[in-house]
Amino acid sequence: MQEPKPYKRPTRRIPPLDADNAQDALEHDHGKAAREAIAYADGNLDRESKKNEHDRSEALRDTIHILFGYGLKGAFILYGLALVSVCWHYLMPEN
């Protein structure tokens, strides 16, 4: 009985862009995949992915910051309304 052959993953390689194809790709918007292929071929994919990750995390932080600000303002407004209500209760006569 023969041993089964181990699976060998096919290797794929993105060829580097020559000057004409790179210029054509830059002049025309071929979509996100083409921009990623250009960045990979130029060796900038790692730098661009780190920049995109930074931008996403900053957008999330900005959103959390804005929501926290609204929550804090809402808490101050509710505290102010409660304070006005308590002051009204103590200052007005019961009858």
N, C-alpha and C. Protein backbone atom coordinates (compact mmCIF):
# COMPACT_ATOMS: atom_id res chain seq x y z
N MET A 1 0.84 -1.17 0.00
CA MET A 1 0.00 0.00 0.00
C MET A 1 0.89 1.24 0.00
N GLN A 2 0.52 2.18 -0.84
CA GLN A 2 1.34 3.39 -0.97
C GLN A 2 0.93 4.44 0.05
N GLU A 3 1.92 5.19 0.49
CA GLU A 3 1.67 6.33 1.38
C GLU A 3 1.05 7.46 0.57
N PRO A 4 0.05 8.16 1.11
CA PRO A 4 -0.51 9.30 0.37
C PRO A 4 0.51 10.45 0.33
N LYS A 5 0.53 11.14 -0.78
CA LYS A 5 1.45 12.26 -0.92
C LYS A 5 0.93 13.45 -0.13
N PRO A 6 1.82 14.15 0.54
CA PRO A 6 1.36 15.33 1.27
C PRO A 6 0.93 16.42 0.30
N TYR A 7 -0.06 17.19 0.75
CA TYR A 7 -0.57 18.28 -0.08
C TYR A 7 0.49 19.36 -0.20
N LYS A 8 0.74 19.78 -1.40
CA LYS A 8 1.70 20.86 -1.62
C LYS A 8 0.92 22.05 -2.14
N ARG A 9 0.96 23.13 -1.38
CA ARG A 9 0.24 24.34 -1.75
C ARG A 9 0.90 24.98 -2.97
N PRO A 10 0.11 25.35 -3.96
CA PRO A 10 0.72 26.03 -5.11
C PRO A 10 1.21 27.42 -4.71
N THR A 11 2.36 27.77 -5.20
CA THR A 11 2.91 29.09 -4.88
C THR A 11 2.52 30.06 -5.98
N ARG A 12 2.17 31.24 -5.55
CA ARG A 12 1.78 32.29 -6.50
C ARG A 12 2.67 33.48 -6.27
N ARG A 13 2.95 34.18 -7.32
CA ARG A 13 3.83 35.33 -7.23
C ARG A 13 3.24 36.44 -8.08
N ILE A 14 3.19 37.63 -7.50
CA ILE A 14 2.73 38.79 -8.26
C ILE A 14 3.94 39.39 -8.95
N PRO A 15 3.90 39.45 -10.27
CA PRO A 15 5.08 39.99 -10.96
C PRO A 15 5.21 41.50 -10.73
N PRO A 16 6.41 42.01 -10.73
CA PRO A 16 6.58 43.46 -10.53
C PRO A 16 6.03 44.23 -11.74
N LEU A 17 5.59 45.44 -11.47
CA LEU A 17 5.06 46.28 -12.54
C LEU A 17 6.19 46.96 -13.29
N ASP A 18 6.04 47.01 -14.60
CA ASP A 18 6.99 47.83 -15.35
C ASP A 18 6.47 49.26 -15.38
N ALA A 19 7.24 50.18 -15.89
CA ALA A 19 6.91 51.60 -15.83
C ALA A 19 5.60 51.92 -16.56
N ASP A 20 5.36 51.31 -17.71
CA ASP A 20 4.15 51.61 -18.48
C ASP A 20 2.89 51.15 -17.75
N ASN A 21 2.92 49.94 -17.24
CA ASN A 21 1.75 49.42 -16.53
C ASN A 21 1.52 50.17 -15.23
N ALA A 22 2.57 50.56 -14.55
CA ALA A 22 2.42 51.30 -13.30
C ALA A 22 1.80 52.67 -13.57
N GLN A 23 2.25 53.34 -14.63
CA GLN A 23 1.70 54.65 -14.97
C GLN A 23 0.23 54.52 -15.36
N ASP A 24 -0.11 53.49 -16.12
CA ASP A 24 -1.50 53.26 -16.49
C ASP A 24 -2.36 52.99 -15.26
N ALA A 25 -1.83 52.22 -14.31
CA ALA A 25 -2.58 51.92 -13.10
C ALA A 25 -2.78 53.16 -12.25
N LEU A 26 -1.80 54.04 -12.24
CA LEU A 26 -1.94 55.26 -11.46
C LEU A 26 -2.91 56.25 -12.09
N GLU A 27 -2.96 56.27 -13.41
CA GLU A 27 -3.83 57.22 -14.11
C GLU A 27 -5.29 56.79 -14.06
N HIS A 28 -5.56 55.52 -14.01
CA HIS A 28 -6.93 55.01 -14.02
C HIS A 28 -7.22 54.32 -12.70
N ASP A 29 -8.40 54.53 -12.20
CA ASP A 29 -8.80 53.88 -10.96
C ASP A 29 -9.33 52.50 -11.29
N HIS A 30 -8.54 51.48 -10.95
CA HIS A 30 -8.92 50.10 -11.23
C HIS A 30 -9.48 49.40 -10.00
N GLY A 31 -9.74 50.14 -8.96
CA GLY A 31 -10.33 49.54 -7.78
C GLY A 31 -9.30 49.28 -6.69
N LYS A 32 -9.83 48.81 -5.59
CA LYS A 32 -9.01 48.59 -4.40
C LYS A 32 -7.98 47.48 -4.62
N ALA A 33 -8.37 46.44 -5.32
CA ALA A 33 -7.45 45.32 -5.54
C ALA A 33 -6.24 45.75 -6.37
N ALA A 34 -6.48 46.58 -7.38
CA ALA A 34 -5.36 47.05 -8.21
C ALA A 34 -4.44 47.95 -7.41
N ARG A 35 -5.01 48.81 -6.57
CA ARG A 35 -4.16 49.67 -5.73
C ARG A 35 -3.34 48.83 -4.76
N GLU A 36 -3.93 47.77 -4.24
CA GLU A 36 -3.20 46.89 -3.34
C GLU A 36 -2.08 46.15 -4.08
N ALA A 37 -2.36 45.72 -5.31
CA ALA A 37 -1.34 45.04 -6.10
C ALA A 37 -0.19 46.00 -6.42
N ILE A 38 -0.51 47.25 -6.71
CA ILE A 38 0.53 48.24 -6.99
C ILE A 38 1.38 48.46 -5.73
N ALA A 39 0.73 48.57 -4.59
CA ALA A 39 1.47 48.76 -3.33
C ALA A 39 2.35 47.55 -3.03
N TYR A 40 1.83 46.35 -3.30
CA TYR A 40 2.62 45.14 -3.06
C TYR A 40 3.82 45.08 -3.99
N ALA A 41 3.60 45.43 -5.26
CA ALA A 41 4.69 45.39 -6.22
C ALA A 41 5.76 46.44 -5.91
N ASP A 42 5.34 47.57 -5.37
CA ASP A 42 6.30 48.61 -5.02
C ASP A 42 6.96 48.36 -3.67
N GLY A 43 6.45 47.41 -2.90
CA GLY A 43 7.00 47.13 -1.58
C GLY A 43 6.44 48.03 -0.50
N ASN A 44 5.34 48.71 -0.77
CA ASN A 44 4.74 49.64 0.19
C ASN A 44 3.52 49.08 0.89
N LEU A 45 3.20 47.82 0.68
CA LEU A 45 1.97 47.26 1.23
C LEU A 45 1.98 47.27 2.75
N ASP A 46 3.10 46.92 3.35
CA ASP A 46 3.18 46.89 4.81
C ASP A 46 2.99 48.29 5.39
N ARG A 47 3.63 49.28 4.79
CA ARG A 47 3.51 50.65 5.28
C ARG A 47 2.08 51.16 5.12
N GLU A 48 1.47 50.88 3.98
CA GLU A 48 0.10 51.34 3.75
C GLU A 48 -0.90 50.62 4.65
N SER A 49 -0.68 49.33 4.91
CA SER A 49 -1.60 48.61 5.78
C SER A 49 -1.49 49.14 7.21
N LYS A 50 -0.29 49.48 7.66
CA LYS A 50 -0.14 50.07 8.99
C LYS A 50 -0.82 51.43 9.06
N LYS A 51 -0.69 52.22 7.98
CA LYS A 51 -1.33 53.54 7.96
C LYS A 51 -2.85 53.39 7.99
N ASN A 52 -3.40 52.45 7.21
CA ASN A 52 -4.84 52.23 7.20
C ASN A 52 -5.34 51.74 8.55
N GLU A 53 -4.59 50.85 9.20
CA GLU A 53 -4.97 50.38 10.52
C GLU A 53 -4.96 51.53 11.53
N HIS A 54 -3.96 52.40 11.43
CA HIS A 54 -3.89 53.56 12.31
C HIS A 54 -5.09 54.48 12.09
N ASP A 55 -5.44 54.71 10.83
CA ASP A 55 -6.58 55.57 10.52
C ASP A 55 -7.88 54.98 11.08
N ARG A 56 -8.05 53.65 10.97
CA ARG A 56 -9.25 53.02 11.50
C ARG A 56 -9.32 53.15 13.02
N SER A 57 -8.19 52.93 13.68
CA SER A 57 -8.21 53.01 15.14
C SER A 57 -8.43 54.45 15.60
N GLU A 58 -7.88 55.41 14.87
CA GLU A 58 -8.11 56.82 15.22
C GLU A 58 -9.57 57.21 15.01
N ALA A 59 -10.19 56.70 13.97
CA ALA A 59 -11.61 56.99 13.73
C ALA A 59 -12.47 56.41 14.86
N LEU A 60 -12.12 55.20 15.32
CA LEU A 60 -12.85 54.61 16.43
C LEU A 60 -12.65 55.42 17.70
N ARG A 61 -11.43 55.85 17.96
CA ARG A 61 -11.16 56.67 19.15
C ARG A 61 -11.91 57.99 19.08
N ASP A 62 -11.94 58.60 17.90
CA ASP A 62 -12.68 59.86 17.74
C ASP A 62 -14.16 59.66 18.03
N THR A 63 -14.73 58.56 17.54
CA THR A 63 -16.14 58.27 17.78
C THR A 63 -16.42 58.08 19.26
N ILE A 64 -15.56 57.32 19.93
CA ILE A 64 -15.73 57.10 21.37
C ILE A 64 -15.60 58.42 22.12
N HIS A 65 -14.66 59.25 21.71
CA HIS A 65 -14.47 60.55 22.36
C HIS A 65 -15.72 61.42 22.21
N ILE A 66 -16.30 61.45 21.03
CA ILE A 66 -17.50 62.25 20.79
C ILE A 66 -18.67 61.72 21.62
N LEU A 67 -18.85 60.40 21.64
CA LEU A 67 -19.94 59.81 22.42
C LEU A 67 -19.77 60.06 23.91
N PHE A 68 -18.54 59.99 24.39
CA PHE A 68 -18.28 60.27 25.80
C PHE A 68 -18.60 61.73 26.12
N GLY A 69 -18.26 62.62 25.20
CA GLY A 69 -18.58 64.04 25.40
C GLY A 69 -20.07 64.28 25.48
N TYR A 70 -20.85 63.64 24.59
CA TYR A 70 -22.30 63.78 24.65
C TYR A 70 -22.85 63.20 25.95
N GLY A 71 -22.33 62.06 26.38
CA GLY A 71 -22.78 61.45 27.62
C GLY A 71 -22.49 62.33 28.82
N LEU A 72 -21.32 62.95 28.83
CA LEU A 72 -20.97 63.83 29.94
C LEU A 72 -21.86 65.08 29.96
N LYS A 73 -22.12 65.64 28.79
CA LYS A 73 -23.03 66.80 28.71
C LYS A 73 -24.43 66.42 29.17
N GLY A 74 -24.89 65.24 28.77
CA GLY A 74 -26.21 64.78 29.20
C GLY A 74 -26.28 64.59 30.70
N ALA A 75 -25.20 64.06 31.29
CA ALA A 75 -25.18 63.88 32.74
C ALA A 75 -25.23 65.23 33.45
N PHE A 76 -24.50 66.22 32.95
CA PHE A 76 -24.55 67.55 33.56
C PHE A 76 -25.93 68.18 33.44
N ILE A 77 -26.59 67.99 32.31
CA ILE A 77 -27.93 68.54 32.13
C ILE A 77 -28.90 67.88 33.11
N LEU A 78 -28.83 66.55 33.25
CA LEU A 78 -29.70 65.86 34.20
C LEU A 78 -29.41 66.29 35.63
N TYR A 79 -28.14 66.47 35.97
CA TYR A 79 -27.78 66.94 37.31
C TYR A 79 -28.33 68.35 37.53
N GLY A 80 -28.24 69.20 36.53
CA GLY A 80 -28.78 70.55 36.65
C GLY A 80 -30.29 70.55 36.83
N LEU A 81 -31.00 69.71 36.09
CA LEU A 81 -32.45 69.61 36.24
C LEU A 81 -32.82 69.09 37.63
N ALA A 82 -32.08 68.12 38.13
CA ALA A 82 -32.35 67.61 39.48
C ALA A 82 -32.09 68.70 40.51
N LEU A 83 -31.02 69.47 40.33
CA LEU A 83 -30.71 70.56 41.27
C LEU A 83 -31.80 71.62 41.26
N VAL A 84 -32.27 71.99 40.07
CA VAL A 84 -33.36 72.97 39.97
C VAL A 84 -34.61 72.42 40.63
N SER A 85 -34.91 71.15 40.43
CA SER A 85 -36.09 70.54 41.03
C SER A 85 -36.00 70.54 42.56
N VAL A 86 -34.84 70.22 43.11
CA VAL A 86 -34.67 70.21 44.56
C VAL A 86 -34.77 71.63 45.11
N CYS A 87 -34.15 72.59 44.45
CA CYS A 87 -34.24 73.99 44.88
C CYS A 87 -35.68 74.48 44.84
N TRP A 88 -36.41 74.14 43.80
CA TRP A 88 -37.81 74.53 43.67
C TRP A 88 -38.62 73.93 44.82
N HIS A 89 -38.34 72.68 45.15
CA HIS A 89 -39.05 72.00 46.24
C HIS A 89 -38.81 72.70 47.58
N TYR A 90 -37.57 73.08 47.85
CA TYR A 90 -37.26 73.74 49.14
C TYR A 90 -37.72 75.18 49.20
N LEU A 91 -37.77 75.88 48.09
CA LEU A 91 -38.11 77.30 48.11
C LEU A 91 -39.60 77.57 48.06
N MET A 92 -40.37 76.71 47.47
CA MET A 92 -41.81 76.95 47.33
C MET A 92 -42.55 76.45 48.58
N PRO A 93 -43.56 77.19 49.01
CA PRO A 93 -44.34 76.73 50.18
C PRO A 93 -45.19 75.52 49.81
N GLU A 94 -45.55 74.74 50.82
CA GLU A 94 -46.34 73.53 50.55
C GLU A 94 -47.78 73.85 50.24
N ASN A 95 -48.32 74.91 50.79
CA ASN A 95 -49.73 75.24 50.55
C ASN A 95 -49.88 76.14 49.40
